[in-house]
Amino acid sequence: MSNHSVADFRMWMTDWKNEILQVDSLYSIFVTLTALELSVTR
């Protein structure tokens, strides 16, 4: 049983990492756009 849950946990962690990477790239784009906007308005 413990082996099964470890496998599930690893699979979940992989999915989670993929989600984070997708969110991270969107977030960096957002931050870049925000920084550009701030530098333009100054």
N, C-alpha and C. Protein backbone atom coordinates (compact mmCIF):
# COMPACT_ATOMS: atom_id res chain seq x y z
N MET A 1 0.83 -1.21 0.00
CA MET A 1 0.00 0.00 0.00
C MET A 1 0.87 1.26 0.00
N SER A 2 1.92 1.26 0.79
CA SER A 2 2.76 2.45 0.85
C SER A 2 3.42 2.72 -0.50
N ASN A 3 3.82 1.65 -1.21
CA ASN A 3 4.41 1.82 -2.54
C ASN A 3 3.42 2.49 -3.49
N HIS A 4 2.17 2.07 -3.40
CA HIS A 4 1.14 2.63 -4.27
C HIS A 4 0.97 4.13 -4.00
N SER A 5 0.93 4.51 -2.75
CA SER A 5 0.73 5.92 -2.43
C SER A 5 1.96 6.74 -2.82
N VAL A 6 3.14 6.14 -2.72
CA VAL A 6 4.35 6.86 -3.14
C VAL A 6 4.30 7.14 -4.64
N ALA A 7 3.85 6.15 -5.42
CA ALA A 7 3.74 6.32 -6.87
C ALA A 7 2.72 7.42 -7.18
N ASP A 8 1.58 7.37 -6.49
CA ASP A 8 0.55 8.41 -6.69
C ASP A 8 1.11 9.78 -6.34
N PHE A 9 1.85 9.84 -5.24
CA PHE A 9 2.41 11.11 -4.80
C PHE A 9 3.38 11.66 -5.84
N ARG A 10 4.23 10.76 -6.40
CA ARG A 10 5.18 11.20 -7.43
C ARG A 10 4.45 11.71 -8.65
N MET A 11 3.40 11.00 -9.05
CA MET A 11 2.62 11.43 -10.21
C MET A 11 2.01 12.80 -9.93
N TRP A 12 1.46 12.96 -8.72
CA TRP A 12 0.84 14.23 -8.34
C TRP A 12 1.87 15.35 -8.35
N MET A 13 3.06 15.06 -7.83
CA MET A 13 4.12 16.07 -7.80
C MET A 13 4.51 16.49 -9.21
N THR A 14 4.56 15.52 -10.14
CA THR A 14 4.91 15.84 -11.53
C THR A 14 3.85 16.75 -12.13
N ASP A 15 2.58 16.40 -11.94
CA ASP A 15 1.49 17.23 -12.44
C ASP A 15 1.59 18.63 -11.85
N TRP A 16 1.84 18.68 -10.54
CA TRP A 16 1.92 19.95 -9.83
C TRP A 16 3.06 20.80 -10.39
N LYS A 17 4.22 20.16 -10.63
CA LYS A 17 5.35 20.91 -11.19
C LYS A 17 5.01 21.47 -12.56
N ASN A 18 4.34 20.66 -13.39
CA ASN A 18 3.96 21.13 -14.73
C ASN A 18 3.02 22.33 -14.61
N GLU A 19 2.06 22.24 -13.70
CA GLU A 19 1.13 23.37 -13.50
C GLU A 19 1.90 24.61 -13.08
N ILE A 20 2.82 24.44 -12.13
CA ILE A 20 3.59 25.57 -11.63
C ILE A 20 4.42 26.20 -12.75
N LEU A 21 5.02 25.35 -13.60
CA LEU A 21 5.81 25.88 -14.70
C LEU A 21 4.95 26.71 -15.65
N GLN A 22 3.75 26.22 -15.94
CA GLN A 22 2.85 26.97 -16.82
C GLN A 22 2.47 28.30 -16.17
N VAL A 23 2.11 28.26 -14.89
CA VAL A 23 1.73 29.47 -14.17
C VAL A 23 2.93 30.41 -14.08
N ASP A 24 4.11 29.83 -13.86
CA ASP A 24 5.32 30.63 -13.71
C ASP A 24 5.62 31.42 -14.97
N SER A 25 5.48 30.80 -16.13
CA SER A 25 5.76 31.52 -17.38
C SER A 25 4.73 32.62 -17.60
N LEU A 26 3.46 32.34 -17.30
CA LEU A 26 2.43 33.37 -17.41
C LEU A 26 2.73 34.51 -16.44
N TYR A 27 3.14 34.16 -15.23
CA TYR A 27 3.43 35.16 -14.20
C TYR A 27 4.59 36.05 -14.62
N SER A 28 5.64 35.44 -15.19
CA SER A 28 6.79 36.26 -15.60
C SER A 28 6.41 37.19 -16.74
N ILE A 29 5.54 36.72 -17.64
CA ILE A 29 5.05 37.59 -18.72
C ILE A 29 4.28 38.76 -18.12
N PHE A 30 3.42 38.45 -17.15
CA PHE A 30 2.62 39.47 -16.48
C PHE A 30 3.51 40.49 -15.78
N VAL A 31 4.53 40.00 -15.08
CA VAL A 31 5.45 40.88 -14.36
C VAL A 31 6.20 41.78 -15.35
N THR A 32 6.62 41.19 -16.46
CA THR A 32 7.34 41.97 -17.48
C THR A 32 6.47 43.08 -18.04
N LEU A 33 5.22 42.73 -18.36
CA LEU A 33 4.30 43.74 -18.90
C LEU A 33 4.04 44.84 -17.88
N THR A 34 3.87 44.44 -16.61
CA THR A 34 3.62 45.42 -15.56
C THR A 34 4.82 46.36 -15.41
N ALA A 35 6.02 45.79 -15.45
CA ALA A 35 7.23 46.59 -15.33
C ALA A 35 7.34 47.58 -16.50
N LEU A 36 7.02 47.09 -17.69
CA LEU A 36 7.06 47.98 -18.86
C LEU A 36 6.06 49.11 -18.71
N GLU A 37 4.88 48.76 -18.24
CA GLU A 37 3.84 49.78 -18.06
C GLU A 37 4.29 50.83 -17.05
N LEU A 38 4.88 50.38 -15.95
CA LEU A 38 5.34 51.31 -14.92
C LEU A 38 6.45 52.21 -15.46
N SER A 39 7.37 51.65 -16.22
CA SER A 39 8.48 52.46 -16.75
C SER A 39 7.96 53.47 -17.78
N VAL A 40 6.89 53.12 -18.49
CA VAL A 40 6.32 54.04 -19.48
C VAL A 40 5.59 55.19 -18.79
N THR A 41 4.86 54.87 -17.71
CA THR A 41 4.07 55.91 -17.05
C THR A 41 4.92 56.86 -16.22
N ARG A 42 6.14 56.46 -15.87
CA ARG A 42 6.97 57.36 -15.06
C ARG A 42 7.41 58.58 -15.83
